[in-house]
């Protein structure tokens, strides 16, 4: 089911087009790590270098990460269609020093006229984010913490490799702290669970990579959405 939810071929097609073609039509900006920017609903933003985190914050300062966006992915697309400056109260934070191409509405509309498939890419990006949120909600309700972590690792492997298999490599997890924010828990909890998975032979922690060593061991923790 997860493979069907995350169409790797279409995602690669979209990111390649955004990165190599559409980004050239926008204004390039550079943003330092931890910068939080206010998006303009008359623009979409293409990540061309680095990583962006889409986050939400509570009134008392708690935060959780919704999406991690690498080169070729976009943000601001929901606000673009809603014409609302801060879609769903989402904050955009730079996880690394990052470069972004800002595409204004008038430019984007002109490009869509010439290439209607861009509209499909925008909808694909929104649907993909919806699917991620749906699975995160399912994990919160159907799994304990190790099940939630295992489910996330499986999902990341499918997104990056196209499937879950022994030897699949996850490169998107740059640090335990980032992973903890994504899972809405403390760093020590994630670190211990990952160590337990490694000790039993489910995964291998290799610097900034996580390698799936035994997918069957990992999947036994997960109560998958039907």
N, C-alpha and C. Protein backbone atom coordinates (compact mmCIF):
# COMPACT_ATOMS: atom_id res chain seq x y z
N UNK A 1 0.82 -1.21 0.00
CA UNK A 1 0.00 0.00 0.00
C UNK A 1 0.86 1.26 0.00
N UNK A 2 1.94 1.25 0.80
CA UNK A 2 2.78 2.45 0.90
C UNK A 2 3.40 2.81 -0.45
N UNK A 3 3.78 1.80 -1.23
CA UNK A 3 4.36 2.08 -2.54
C UNK A 3 3.36 2.83 -3.42
N UNK A 4 2.09 2.47 -3.31
CA UNK A 4 1.06 3.12 -4.12
C UNK A 4 0.82 4.56 -3.64
N UNK A 5 0.95 4.79 -2.34
CA UNK A 5 0.73 6.14 -1.81
C UNK A 5 1.84 7.10 -2.21
N UNK A 6 3.05 6.57 -2.44
CA UNK A 6 4.19 7.42 -2.76
C UNK A 6 4.76 7.02 -4.12
N UNK A 7 4.23 7.65 -5.15
CA UNK A 7 4.62 7.36 -6.53
C UNK A 7 6.02 7.93 -6.78
N UNK A 8 7.01 7.06 -6.68
CA UNK A 8 8.41 7.51 -6.78
C UNK A 8 8.72 8.06 -8.17
N UNK A 9 8.18 7.42 -9.19
CA UNK A 9 8.45 7.87 -10.57
C UNK A 9 7.92 9.29 -10.79
N UNK A 10 6.69 9.54 -10.35
CA UNK A 10 6.11 10.87 -10.52
C UNK A 10 6.84 11.89 -9.65
N UNK A 11 7.25 11.47 -8.43
CA UNK A 11 7.98 12.38 -7.56
C UNK A 11 9.31 12.78 -8.18
N UNK A 12 10.00 11.84 -8.76
CA UNK A 12 11.29 12.14 -9.41
C UNK A 12 11.09 13.03 -10.62
N UNK A 13 10.03 12.78 -11.37
CA UNK A 13 9.72 13.61 -12.53
C UNK A 13 9.44 15.05 -12.08
N UNK A 14 8.66 15.18 -11.01
CA UNK A 14 8.31 16.51 -10.49
C UNK A 14 9.53 17.25 -9.97
N UNK A 15 10.33 16.59 -9.13
CA UNK A 15 11.48 17.28 -8.54
C UNK A 15 12.50 17.65 -9.61
N UNK A 16 12.67 16.80 -10.61
CA UNK A 16 13.61 17.11 -11.70
C UNK A 16 13.15 18.35 -12.45
N UNK A 17 11.85 18.43 -12.75
CA UNK A 17 11.34 19.59 -13.48
C UNK A 17 11.44 20.86 -12.65
N UNK A 18 11.03 20.78 -11.38
CA UNK A 18 11.09 21.97 -10.53
C UNK A 18 12.53 22.45 -10.36
N UNK A 19 13.45 21.50 -10.15
CA UNK A 19 14.83 21.86 -9.88
C UNK A 19 15.57 22.36 -11.11
N UNK A 20 15.36 21.71 -12.23
CA UNK A 20 16.17 21.99 -13.41
C UNK A 20 15.52 22.96 -14.40
N UNK A 21 14.20 23.17 -14.27
CA UNK A 21 13.51 24.01 -15.24
C UNK A 21 12.81 25.18 -14.56
N UNK A 22 11.76 24.87 -13.79
CA UNK A 22 10.94 25.95 -13.23
C UNK A 22 11.72 26.86 -12.28
N UNK A 23 12.65 26.31 -11.53
CA UNK A 23 13.41 27.13 -10.58
C UNK A 23 14.19 28.24 -11.28
N UNK A 24 14.51 28.04 -12.56
CA UNK A 24 15.26 29.04 -13.32
C UNK A 24 14.41 30.28 -13.62
N UNK A 25 13.09 30.17 -13.45
CA UNK A 25 12.18 31.28 -13.75
C UNK A 25 11.91 32.15 -12.53
N UNK A 26 12.50 31.77 -11.39
CA UNK A 26 12.21 32.49 -10.15
C UNK A 26 13.38 33.32 -9.66
N UNK A 27 13.17 33.92 -8.49
CA UNK A 27 14.21 34.71 -7.83
C UNK A 27 14.92 33.84 -6.81
N UNK A 28 16.23 33.72 -6.95
CA UNK A 28 17.02 32.88 -6.05
C UNK A 28 17.33 33.64 -4.76
N UNK A 29 17.08 32.98 -3.62
CA UNK A 29 17.42 33.57 -2.32
C UNK A 29 18.19 32.54 -1.50
N UNK A 30 19.06 33.01 -0.65
CA UNK A 30 19.83 32.14 0.26
C UNK A 30 19.38 32.41 1.68
N UNK A 31 19.21 31.35 2.45
CA UNK A 31 18.69 31.46 3.82
C UNK A 31 19.57 30.66 4.76
N UNK A 32 19.90 31.27 5.89
CA UNK A 32 20.75 30.62 6.87
C UNK A 32 19.97 29.58 7.68
N UNK A 33 20.71 28.64 8.24
CA UNK A 33 20.12 27.62 9.10
C UNK A 33 19.29 28.26 10.22
N UNK A 34 18.15 27.67 10.51
CA UNK A 34 17.21 28.09 11.58
C UNK A 34 16.43 29.36 11.23
N UNK A 35 16.63 29.91 10.03
CA UNK A 35 15.80 31.03 9.60
C UNK A 35 14.36 30.57 9.43
N UNK A 36 13.42 31.34 9.95
CA UNK A 36 12.01 31.07 9.73
C UNK A 36 11.46 32.15 8.82
N UNK A 37 10.83 31.76 7.73
CA UNK A 37 10.35 32.76 6.79
C UNK A 37 8.82 32.75 6.71
N UNK A 38 8.29 33.89 6.39
CA UNK A 38 6.85 34.05 6.15
C UNK A 38 6.61 33.93 4.66
N UNK A 39 5.83 32.94 4.25
CA UNK A 39 5.57 32.77 2.83
C UNK A 39 4.55 33.79 2.33
N UNK A 40 4.63 34.06 1.06
CA UNK A 40 3.71 34.96 0.38
C UNK A 40 2.76 34.10 -0.45
N UNK A 41 1.46 34.28 -0.28
CA UNK A 41 0.49 33.42 -0.96
C UNK A 41 0.48 33.65 -2.47
N UNK A 42 1.18 34.65 -2.94
CA UNK A 42 1.28 34.88 -4.38
C UNK A 42 2.54 34.26 -4.97
N UNK A 43 3.15 33.35 -4.21
CA UNK A 43 4.37 32.68 -4.67
C UNK A 43 4.35 31.21 -4.26
N UNK A 44 5.11 30.41 -4.98
CA UNK A 44 5.52 29.11 -4.47
C UNK A 44 7.03 29.12 -4.36
N UNK A 45 7.57 28.20 -3.57
CA UNK A 45 8.99 28.20 -3.25
C UNK A 45 9.58 26.83 -3.57
N UNK A 46 10.62 26.82 -4.37
CA UNK A 46 11.29 25.57 -4.74
C UNK A 46 12.62 25.49 -3.98
N UNK A 47 12.81 24.40 -3.25
CA UNK A 47 14.09 24.18 -2.57
C UNK A 47 15.10 23.74 -3.62
N UNK A 48 16.17 24.49 -3.77
CA UNK A 48 17.20 24.15 -4.76
C UNK A 48 18.47 23.61 -4.12
N UNK A 49 18.63 23.85 -2.83
CA UNK A 49 19.81 23.35 -2.11
C UNK A 49 19.50 23.33 -0.61
N UNK A 50 19.95 22.28 0.08
CA UNK A 50 19.75 22.23 1.53
C UNK A 50 18.46 21.50 1.89
N UNK A 51 17.91 21.84 3.04
CA UNK A 51 16.70 21.18 3.52
C UNK A 51 15.83 22.15 4.28
N UNK A 52 14.52 22.02 4.06
CA UNK A 52 13.53 22.87 4.70
C UNK A 52 12.62 22.00 5.57
N UNK A 53 12.25 22.51 6.71
CA UNK A 53 11.34 21.82 7.62
C UNK A 53 10.05 22.63 7.72
N UNK A 54 8.92 21.99 7.43
CA UNK A 54 7.62 22.63 7.65
C UNK A 54 7.13 22.20 9.03
N UNK A 55 6.90 23.19 9.89
CA UNK A 55 6.62 22.90 11.30
C UNK A 55 5.39 23.65 11.79
N UNK A 56 4.82 23.14 12.88
CA UNK A 56 3.77 23.87 13.59
C UNK A 56 4.21 24.03 15.05
N UNK A 57 3.77 25.13 15.65
CA UNK A 57 4.13 25.46 17.02
C UNK A 57 2.87 25.65 17.85
N UNK A 58 2.94 25.27 19.12
CA UNK A 58 1.84 25.52 20.04
C UNK A 58 2.05 26.88 20.71
N UNK A 59 1.03 27.36 21.40
CA UNK A 59 1.13 28.66 22.07
C UNK A 59 2.21 28.67 23.14
N UNK A 60 2.47 27.50 23.75
CA UNK A 60 3.48 27.46 24.81
C UNK A 60 4.87 27.09 24.29
N UNK A 61 5.05 27.12 22.96
CA UNK A 61 6.38 26.96 22.39
C UNK A 61 6.76 25.56 21.95
N UNK A 62 5.87 24.59 22.11
CA UNK A 62 6.18 23.24 21.63
C UNK A 62 6.12 23.24 20.10
N UNK A 63 6.86 22.33 19.49
CA UNK A 63 6.87 22.28 18.04
C UNK A 63 6.92 20.85 17.56
N UNK A 64 6.43 20.66 16.35
CA UNK A 64 6.55 19.35 15.71
C UNK A 64 6.76 19.57 14.22
N UNK A 65 7.49 18.66 13.62
CA UNK A 65 7.80 18.75 12.20
C UNK A 65 6.77 17.97 11.40
N UNK A 66 6.22 18.60 10.38
CA UNK A 66 5.27 17.93 9.50
C UNK A 66 5.97 17.28 8.31
N UNK A 67 6.84 18.05 7.65
CA UNK A 67 7.48 17.57 6.43
C UNK A 67 8.93 18.02 6.38
N UNK A 68 9.78 17.18 5.80
CA UNK A 68 11.17 17.53 5.51
C UNK A 68 11.32 17.60 4.00
N UNK A 69 11.78 18.73 3.50
CA UNK A 69 11.78 18.98 2.06
C UNK A 69 13.20 19.19 1.55
N UNK A 70 13.59 18.38 0.59
CA UNK A 70 14.91 18.49 -0.01
C UNK A 70 14.84 19.14 -1.38
N UNK A 71 15.96 19.18 -2.10
CA UNK A 71 16.01 19.83 -3.41
C UNK A 71 14.97 19.28 -4.39
N UNK A 72 14.30 20.21 -5.07
CA UNK A 72 13.29 19.85 -6.04
C UNK A 72 11.89 19.78 -5.50
N UNK A 73 11.76 19.85 -4.17
CA UNK A 73 10.42 19.87 -3.57
C UNK A 73 10.01 21.32 -3.32
N UNK A 74 8.74 21.50 -2.98
CA UNK A 74 8.21 22.86 -2.88
C UNK A 74 7.47 23.08 -1.57
N UNK A 75 7.33 24.35 -1.21
CA UNK A 75 6.43 24.73 -0.13
C UNK A 75 5.71 26.01 -0.54
N UNK A 76 4.63 26.29 0.17
CA UNK A 76 3.81 27.45 -0.17
C UNK A 76 2.71 27.15 -1.16
N UNK A 77 2.63 25.89 -1.64
CA UNK A 77 1.64 25.55 -2.66
C UNK A 77 0.20 25.59 -2.11
N UNK A 78 0.03 25.24 -0.83
CA UNK A 78 -1.32 25.27 -0.25
C UNK A 78 -1.79 26.71 -0.09
N UNK A 79 -0.91 27.56 0.42
CA UNK A 79 -1.26 28.98 0.56
C UNK A 79 -1.51 29.61 -0.80
N UNK A 80 -0.79 29.14 -1.82
CA UNK A 80 -0.96 29.66 -3.18
C UNK A 80 -2.39 29.45 -3.65
N UNK A 81 -2.95 28.26 -3.39
CA UNK A 81 -4.32 27.98 -3.80
C UNK A 81 -5.34 28.61 -2.86
N UNK A 82 -5.01 28.67 -1.57
CA UNK A 82 -5.92 29.26 -0.59
C UNK A 82 -5.92 30.79 -0.64
N UNK A 83 -4.83 31.35 -1.17
CA UNK A 83 -4.60 32.80 -1.14
C UNK A 83 -4.62 33.32 0.29
N UNK A 84 -4.01 32.52 1.18
CA UNK A 84 -3.92 32.90 2.58
C UNK A 84 -2.46 32.87 2.97
N UNK A 85 -2.00 33.93 3.64
CA UNK A 85 -0.55 34.10 3.85
C UNK A 85 0.10 32.96 4.62
N UNK A 86 -0.58 32.43 5.62
CA UNK A 86 0.06 31.43 6.47
C UNK A 86 -0.83 30.20 6.52
N UNK A 87 -0.69 29.35 5.53
CA UNK A 87 -1.56 28.20 5.39
C UNK A 87 -1.46 27.27 6.61
N UNK A 88 -2.60 27.06 7.26
CA UNK A 88 -2.68 26.11 8.38
C UNK A 88 -1.69 26.44 9.49
N UNK A 89 -1.29 27.70 9.63
CA UNK A 89 -0.35 28.13 10.67
C UNK A 89 0.96 27.35 10.61
N UNK A 90 1.42 27.04 9.39
CA UNK A 90 2.67 26.31 9.22
C UNK A 90 3.82 27.30 9.12
N UNK A 91 4.89 27.01 9.89
CA UNK A 91 6.10 27.81 9.81
C UNK A 91 7.13 27.08 8.96
N UNK A 92 7.90 27.83 8.21
CA UNK A 92 8.92 27.27 7.33
C UNK A 92 10.28 27.59 7.92
N UNK A 93 11.01 26.55 8.31
CA UNK A 93 12.31 26.73 8.95
C UNK A 93 13.39 26.08 8.12
N UNK A 94 14.55 26.74 8.03
CA UNK A 94 15.68 26.18 7.29
C UNK A 94 16.45 25.22 8.19
N UNK A 95 16.49 23.94 7.80
CA UNK A 95 17.22 22.99 8.63
C UNK A 95 18.73 23.10 8.39
N UNK A 96 19.10 23.48 7.20
CA UNK A 96 20.50 23.76 6.87
C UNK A 96 20.54 25.12 6.18
N UNK A 97 21.75 25.63 5.92
CA UNK A 97 21.85 26.76 5.00
C UNK A 97 21.21 26.31 3.69
N UNK A 98 20.28 27.08 3.20
CA UNK A 98 19.41 26.61 2.13
C UNK A 98 19.27 27.65 1.04
N UNK A 99 19.08 27.19 -0.19
CA UNK A 99 18.78 28.08 -1.31
C UNK A 99 17.40 27.73 -1.84
N UNK A 100 16.65 28.78 -2.14
CA UNK A 100 15.27 28.63 -2.57
C UNK A 100 15.03 29.51 -3.79
N UNK A 101 14.23 29.02 -4.72
CA UNK A 101 13.79 29.83 -5.85
C UNK A 101 12.33 30.23 -5.62
N UNK A 102 12.06 31.53 -5.67
CA UNK A 102 10.72 32.05 -5.42
C UNK A 102 10.04 32.33 -6.76
N UNK A 103 8.93 31.62 -7.01
CA UNK A 103 8.20 31.76 -8.26
C UNK A 103 6.93 32.56 -8.01
N UNK A 104 6.80 33.72 -8.63
CA UNK A 104 5.62 34.56 -8.41
C UNK A 104 4.41 34.03 -9.17
N UNK A 105 3.22 34.37 -8.70
CA UNK A 105 1.97 33.86 -9.26
C UNK A 105 1.86 34.12 -10.77
N UNK A 106 2.17 35.34 -11.18
CA UNK A 106 2.04 35.68 -12.59
C UNK A 106 2.95 34.81 -13.45
N UNK A 107 4.17 34.58 -12.97
CA UNK A 107 5.11 33.73 -13.71
C UNK A 107 4.60 32.30 -13.75
N UNK A 108 4.16 31.79 -12.59
CA UNK A 108 3.70 30.41 -12.52
C UNK A 108 2.47 30.19 -13.41
N UNK A 109 1.53 31.12 -13.37
CA UNK A 109 0.33 30.98 -14.20
C UNK A 109 0.69 30.94 -15.68
N UNK A 110 1.67 31.75 -16.07
CA UNK A 110 2.11 31.74 -17.46
C UNK A 110 2.77 30.42 -17.84
N UNK A 111 3.55 29.87 -16.91
CA UNK A 111 4.19 28.59 -17.16
C UNK A 111 3.17 27.46 -17.26
N UNK A 112 2.12 27.53 -16.43
CA UNK A 112 1.07 26.49 -16.46
C UNK A 112 0.34 26.50 -17.80
N UNK A 113 0.12 27.70 -18.36
CA UNK A 113 -0.52 27.80 -19.69
C UNK A 113 0.33 27.06 -20.73
N UNK A 114 1.64 27.25 -20.66
CA UNK A 114 2.55 26.61 -21.62
C UNK A 114 2.75 25.13 -21.33
N UNK A 115 2.66 24.76 -20.05
CA UNK A 115 2.89 23.37 -19.65
C UNK A 115 1.89 23.00 -18.55
N UNK A 116 0.68 22.56 -18.94
CA UNK A 116 -0.37 22.26 -17.95
C UNK A 116 0.01 21.17 -16.94
N UNK A 117 1.05 20.38 -17.25
CA UNK A 117 1.44 19.32 -16.32
C UNK A 117 1.95 19.88 -15.00
N UNK A 118 2.38 21.15 -15.01
CA UNK A 118 2.82 21.78 -13.76
C UNK A 118 1.70 21.75 -12.72
N UNK A 119 0.48 21.95 -13.19
CA UNK A 119 -0.67 21.91 -12.28
C UNK A 119 -0.76 20.54 -11.62
N UNK A 120 -0.53 19.48 -12.38
CA UNK A 120 -0.54 18.13 -11.82
C UNK A 120 0.54 17.96 -10.77
N UNK A 121 1.72 18.57 -11.02
CA UNK A 121 2.80 18.48 -10.05
C UNK A 121 2.42 19.17 -8.73
N UNK A 122 1.77 20.32 -8.83
CA UNK A 122 1.36 21.04 -7.62
C UNK A 122 0.36 20.21 -6.81
N UNK A 123 -0.60 19.61 -7.50
CA UNK A 123 -1.58 18.76 -6.81
C UNK A 123 -0.89 17.52 -6.23
N UNK A 124 0.05 16.96 -6.97
CA UNK A 124 0.81 15.80 -6.48
C UNK A 124 1.52 16.14 -5.17
N UNK A 125 2.13 17.31 -5.11
CA UNK A 125 2.84 17.72 -3.89
C UNK A 125 1.88 17.82 -2.71
N UNK A 126 0.71 18.39 -2.93
CA UNK A 126 -0.28 18.54 -1.86
C UNK A 126 -0.79 17.17 -1.40
N UNK A 127 -1.12 16.30 -2.35
CA UNK A 127 -1.63 14.96 -2.02
C UNK A 127 -0.57 14.16 -1.28
N UNK A 128 0.68 14.28 -1.69
CA UNK A 128 1.77 13.57 -1.03
C UNK A 128 1.88 14.00 0.43
N UNK A 129 1.76 15.30 0.68
CA UNK A 129 1.83 15.78 2.05
C UNK A 129 0.62 15.30 2.86
N UNK A 130 -0.55 15.26 2.23
CA UNK A 130 -1.73 14.72 2.90
C UNK A 130 -1.50 13.26 3.30
N UNK A 131 -0.93 12.47 2.39
CA UNK A 131 -0.67 11.06 2.69
C UNK A 131 0.31 10.90 3.85
N UNK A 132 1.32 11.75 3.89
CA UNK A 132 2.28 11.70 5.01
C UNK A 132 1.57 11.97 6.32
N UNK A 133 0.74 13.02 6.34
CA UNK A 133 0.02 13.35 7.57
C UNK A 133 -0.95 12.24 7.97
N UNK A 134 -1.62 11.64 7.00
CA UNK A 134 -2.54 10.54 7.28
C UNK A 134 -1.80 9.39 7.96
N UNK A 135 -0.62 9.05 7.46
CA UNK A 135 0.15 7.95 8.03
C UNK A 135 0.70 8.31 9.41
N UNK A 136 1.07 9.57 9.61
CA UNK A 136 1.54 9.98 10.93
C UNK A 136 0.41 9.90 11.96
N UNK A 137 -0.79 10.30 11.56
CA UNK A 137 -1.94 10.19 12.46
C UNK A 137 -2.23 8.72 12.77
N UNK A 138 -2.18 7.86 11.74
CA UNK A 138 -2.40 6.43 11.94
C UNK A 138 -1.37 5.85 12.91
N UNK A 139 -0.11 6.23 12.74
CA UNK A 139 0.94 5.74 13.64
C UNK A 139 0.67 6.16 15.08
N UNK A 140 0.25 7.39 15.27
CA UNK A 140 -0.01 7.89 16.63
C UNK A 140 -1.13 7.12 17.32
N UNK A 141 -2.08 6.62 16.55
CA UNK A 141 -3.24 5.94 17.12
C UNK A 141 -3.10 4.41 17.16
N UNK A 142 -2.34 3.84 16.22
CA UNK A 142 -2.31 2.39 16.08
C UNK A 142 -1.04 1.74 16.60
N UNK A 143 0.01 2.51 16.90
CA UNK A 143 1.30 1.94 17.25
C UNK A 143 1.87 2.52 18.53
N UNK A 144 2.65 1.69 19.26
CA UNK A 144 3.44 2.23 20.35
C UNK A 144 4.65 2.94 19.75
N UNK A 145 5.58 3.43 20.60
CA UNK A 145 6.64 4.25 20.03
C UNK A 145 7.53 3.47 19.07
N UNK A 146 7.90 2.24 19.42
CA UNK A 146 8.77 1.48 18.51
C UNK A 146 8.05 1.17 17.20
N UNK A 147 6.74 0.94 17.28
CA UNK A 147 5.98 0.73 16.05
C UNK A 147 5.94 1.99 15.21
N UNK A 148 5.78 3.13 15.87
CA UNK A 148 5.77 4.42 15.18
C UNK A 148 7.11 4.69 14.51
N UNK A 149 8.20 4.40 15.22
CA UNK A 149 9.54 4.61 14.66
C UNK A 149 9.79 3.67 13.49
N UNK A 150 9.44 2.39 13.67
CA UNK A 150 9.64 1.41 12.59
C UNK A 150 8.83 1.79 11.36
N UNK A 151 7.59 2.21 11.57
CA UNK A 151 6.74 2.63 10.46
C UNK A 151 7.35 3.81 9.71
N UNK A 152 7.91 4.76 10.45
CA UNK A 152 8.54 5.93 9.84
C UNK A 152 9.77 5.52 9.03
N UNK A 153 10.58 4.62 9.57
CA UNK A 153 11.75 4.15 8.84
C UNK A 153 11.34 3.44 7.54
N UNK A 154 10.30 2.63 7.62
CA UNK A 154 9.81 1.93 6.43
C UNK A 154 9.32 2.93 5.39
N UNK A 155 8.58 3.93 5.86
CA UNK A 155 8.06 4.95 4.95
C UNK A 155 9.20 5.73 4.30
N UNK A 156 10.20 6.12 5.08
CA UNK A 156 11.34 6.85 4.54
C UNK A 156 12.08 6.01 3.49
N UNK A 157 12.23 4.70 3.77
CA UNK A 157 12.92 3.82 2.82
C UNK A 157 12.15 3.73 1.51
N UNK A 158 10.82 3.62 1.60
CA UNK A 158 10.00 3.53 0.39
C UNK A 158 10.08 4.84 -0.41
N UNK A 159 10.04 5.97 0.29
CA UNK A 159 10.12 7.26 -0.38
C UNK A 159 11.47 7.41 -1.11
N UNK A 160 12.55 6.98 -0.46
CA UNK A 160 13.87 7.18 -1.05
C UNK A 160 14.27 6.09 -2.04
N UNK A 161 13.90 4.85 -1.73
CA UNK A 161 14.37 3.72 -2.55
C UNK A 161 13.29 3.14 -3.45
N UNK A 162 12.03 3.51 -3.22
CA UNK A 162 10.95 2.97 -4.02
C UNK A 162 10.31 1.73 -3.45
N UNK A 163 10.94 1.14 -2.41
CA UNK A 163 10.40 -0.06 -1.77
C UNK A 163 11.16 -0.30 -0.48
N UNK A 164 10.66 -1.21 0.34
CA UNK A 164 11.37 -1.61 1.55
C UNK A 164 12.03 -2.97 1.29
N UNK A 165 13.34 -3.05 1.45
CA UNK A 165 14.06 -4.29 1.23
C UNK A 165 15.34 -4.27 2.07
N UNK A 166 15.89 -5.44 2.31
CA UNK A 166 17.14 -5.52 3.04
C UNK A 166 18.24 -4.82 2.24
N UNK A 167 18.89 -3.84 2.86
CA UNK A 167 19.91 -3.06 2.17
C UNK A 167 19.43 -1.68 1.75
N UNK A 168 18.14 -1.40 1.89
CA UNK A 168 17.62 -0.07 1.55
C UNK A 168 18.29 0.97 2.45
N UNK A 169 18.63 2.11 1.86
CA UNK A 169 19.36 3.15 2.58
C UNK A 169 18.49 4.40 2.74
N UNK A 170 18.42 4.90 3.96
CA UNK A 170 17.70 6.14 4.27
C UNK A 170 18.75 7.22 4.49
N UNK A 171 18.69 8.26 3.67
CA UNK A 171 19.69 9.33 3.75
C UNK A 171 19.11 10.63 4.28
N UNK A 172 17.79 10.68 4.42
CA UNK A 172 17.11 11.93 4.78
C UNK A 172 17.22 12.29 6.25
N UNK A 173 17.61 11.33 7.09
CA UNK A 173 17.70 11.59 8.53
C UNK A 173 19.11 12.09 8.84
N UNK A 174 19.25 13.41 8.93
CA UNK A 174 20.57 14.00 9.08
C UNK A 174 21.08 13.97 10.52
N UNK A 175 20.16 13.85 11.49
CA UNK A 175 20.58 13.81 12.89
C UNK A 175 19.46 13.22 13.73
N UNK A 176 19.82 12.73 14.92
CA UNK A 176 18.82 12.20 15.86
C UNK A 176 17.89 13.33 16.30
N UNK A 177 18.43 14.53 16.48
CA UNK A 177 17.61 15.67 16.90
C UNK A 177 16.53 15.96 15.87
N UNK A 178 16.88 15.94 14.59
CA UNK A 178 15.90 16.18 13.54
C UNK A 178 14.83 15.10 13.55
N UNK A 179 15.24 13.85 13.74
CA UNK A 179 14.31 12.73 13.76
C UNK A 179 13.37 12.86 14.96
N UNK A 180 13.91 13.28 16.09
CA UNK A 180 13.09 13.45 17.29
C UNK A 180 12.01 14.51 17.07
N UNK A 181 12.36 15.60 16.42
CA UNK A 181 11.38 16.64 16.11
C UNK A 181 10.31 16.10 15.18
N UNK A 182 10.72 15.29 14.23
CA UNK A 182 9.76 14.73 13.28
C UNK A 182 8.78 13.79 13.97
N UNK A 183 9.27 13.07 15.00
CA UNK A 183 8.44 12.11 15.73
C UNK A 183 7.79 12.70 16.98
N UNK A 184 8.06 13.98 17.23
CA UNK A 184 7.47 14.69 18.39
C UNK A 184 7.80 14.00 19.71
N UNK A 185 9.08 13.72 19.90
CA UNK A 185 9.52 13.11 21.16
C UNK A 185 10.92 13.62 21.48
N UNK A 186 11.46 13.18 22.60
CA UNK A 186 12.79 13.66 22.97
C UNK A 186 13.87 12.83 22.29
N UNK A 187 15.05 13.42 22.21
CA UNK A 187 16.16 12.81 21.49
C UNK A 187 16.57 11.47 22.08
N UNK A 188 16.59 11.37 23.41
CA UNK A 188 17.05 10.14 24.07
C UNK A 188 16.13 8.96 23.75
N UNK A 189 14.83 9.21 23.62
CA UNK A 189 13.88 8.14 23.29
C UNK A 189 14.17 7.57 21.91
N UNK A 190 14.40 8.46 20.95
CA UNK A 190 14.72 8.02 19.59
C UNK A 190 16.05 7.28 19.56
N UNK A 191 17.04 7.83 20.23
CA UNK A 191 18.38 7.24 20.24
C UNK A 191 18.35 5.82 20.80
N UNK A 192 17.63 5.61 21.92
CA UNK A 192 17.57 4.28 22.54
C UNK A 192 16.84 3.30 21.62
N UNK A 193 15.73 3.72 21.03
CA UNK A 193 14.97 2.82 20.16
C UNK A 193 15.78 2.43 18.93
N UNK A 194 16.49 3.40 18.34
CA UNK A 194 17.34 3.09 17.18
C UNK A 194 18.46 2.13 17.58
N UNK A 195 19.03 2.33 18.76
CA UNK A 195 20.08 1.42 19.25
C UNK A 195 19.53 0.01 19.44
N UNK A 196 18.30 -0.08 19.97
CA UNK A 196 17.67 -1.40 20.15
C UNK A 196 17.46 -2.09 18.80
N UNK A 197 17.00 -1.32 17.81
CA UNK A 197 16.81 -1.88 16.47
C UNK A 197 18.14 -2.37 15.90
N UNK A 198 19.20 -1.60 16.13
CA UNK A 198 20.51 -2.00 15.62
C UNK A 198 21.02 -3.25 16.33
N UNK A 199 20.84 -3.30 17.64
CA UNK A 199 21.32 -4.45 18.41
C UNK A 199 20.65 -5.75 17.98
N UNK A 200 19.37 -5.66 17.60
CA UNK A 200 18.66 -6.88 17.19
C UNK A 200 18.88 -7.22 15.72
N UNK A 201 19.54 -6.32 14.98
CA UNK A 201 19.85 -6.59 13.59
C UNK A 201 18.85 -6.07 12.57
N UNK A 202 17.92 -5.21 13.01
CA UNK A 202 16.93 -4.67 12.07
C UNK A 202 17.53 -3.61 11.17
N UNK A 203 18.40 -2.77 11.75
CA UNK A 203 18.98 -1.65 11.00
C UNK A 203 20.47 -1.54 11.31
N UNK A 204 21.16 -0.73 10.53
CA UNK A 204 22.54 -0.36 10.80
C UNK A 204 22.63 1.16 10.76
N UNK A 205 23.15 1.75 11.83
CA UNK A 205 23.35 3.19 11.88
C UNK A 205 24.73 3.49 11.32
N UNK A 206 24.78 4.24 10.25
CA UNK A 206 26.04 4.51 9.56
C UNK A 206 26.17 6.01 9.31
N UNK A 207 26.73 6.72 10.29
CA UNK A 207 26.88 8.17 10.23
C UNK A 207 25.50 8.81 9.99
N UNK A 208 25.33 9.49 8.86
CA UNK A 208 24.04 10.14 8.58
C UNK A 208 23.11 9.27 7.74
N UNK A 209 23.36 7.98 7.74
CA UNK A 209 22.51 7.06 7.00
C UNK A 209 21.96 5.99 7.93
N UNK A 210 20.79 5.48 7.57
CA UNK A 210 20.22 4.33 8.26
C UNK A 210 19.99 3.26 7.20
N UNK A 211 20.58 2.08 7.39
CA UNK A 211 20.48 1.00 6.43
C UNK A 211 19.55 -0.08 6.98
N UNK A 212 18.56 -0.46 6.21
CA UNK A 212 17.65 -1.54 6.61
C UNK A 212 18.39 -2.86 6.43
N UNK A 213 18.58 -3.58 7.53
CA UNK A 213 19.30 -4.86 7.48
C UNK A 213 18.35 -6.05 7.43
N UNK A 214 17.22 -5.94 8.13
CA UNK A 214 16.25 -7.03 8.14
C UNK A 214 14.85 -6.43 8.20
N UNK A 215 14.23 -6.31 7.03
CA UNK A 215 12.92 -5.66 6.96
C UNK A 215 11.84 -6.44 7.72
N UNK A 216 11.98 -7.75 7.76
CA UNK A 216 10.97 -8.55 8.45
C UNK A 216 10.97 -8.29 9.95
N UNK A 217 12.17 -8.14 10.53
CA UNK A 217 12.26 -7.80 11.95
C UNK A 217 11.64 -6.44 12.21
N UNK A 218 11.86 -5.51 11.30
CA UNK A 218 11.36 -4.15 11.48
C UNK A 218 9.84 -4.09 11.33
N UNK A 219 9.30 -4.77 10.33
CA UNK A 219 7.86 -4.68 10.08
C UNK A 219 7.03 -5.35 11.17
N UNK A 220 7.62 -6.25 11.94
CA UNK A 220 6.83 -6.93 12.98
C UNK A 220 6.38 -5.96 14.09
N UNK A 221 7.03 -4.79 14.17
CA UNK A 221 6.66 -3.81 15.19
C UNK A 221 5.42 -3.00 14.79
N UNK A 222 5.08 -3.04 13.51
CA UNK A 222 4.12 -2.08 12.98
C UNK A 222 2.72 -2.66 12.82
N UNK A 223 1.74 -1.96 13.35
CA UNK A 223 0.34 -2.25 13.09
C UNK A 223 -0.08 -1.34 11.93
N UNK A 224 0.06 -1.84 10.71
CA UNK A 224 -0.15 -1.02 9.53
C UNK A 224 -1.61 -0.63 9.35
N UNK A 225 -1.82 0.53 8.78
CA UNK A 225 -3.16 0.97 8.42
C UNK A 225 -3.71 0.02 7.37
N UNK A 226 -4.95 -0.40 7.53
CA UNK A 226 -5.55 -1.37 6.62
C UNK A 226 -5.90 -0.73 5.29
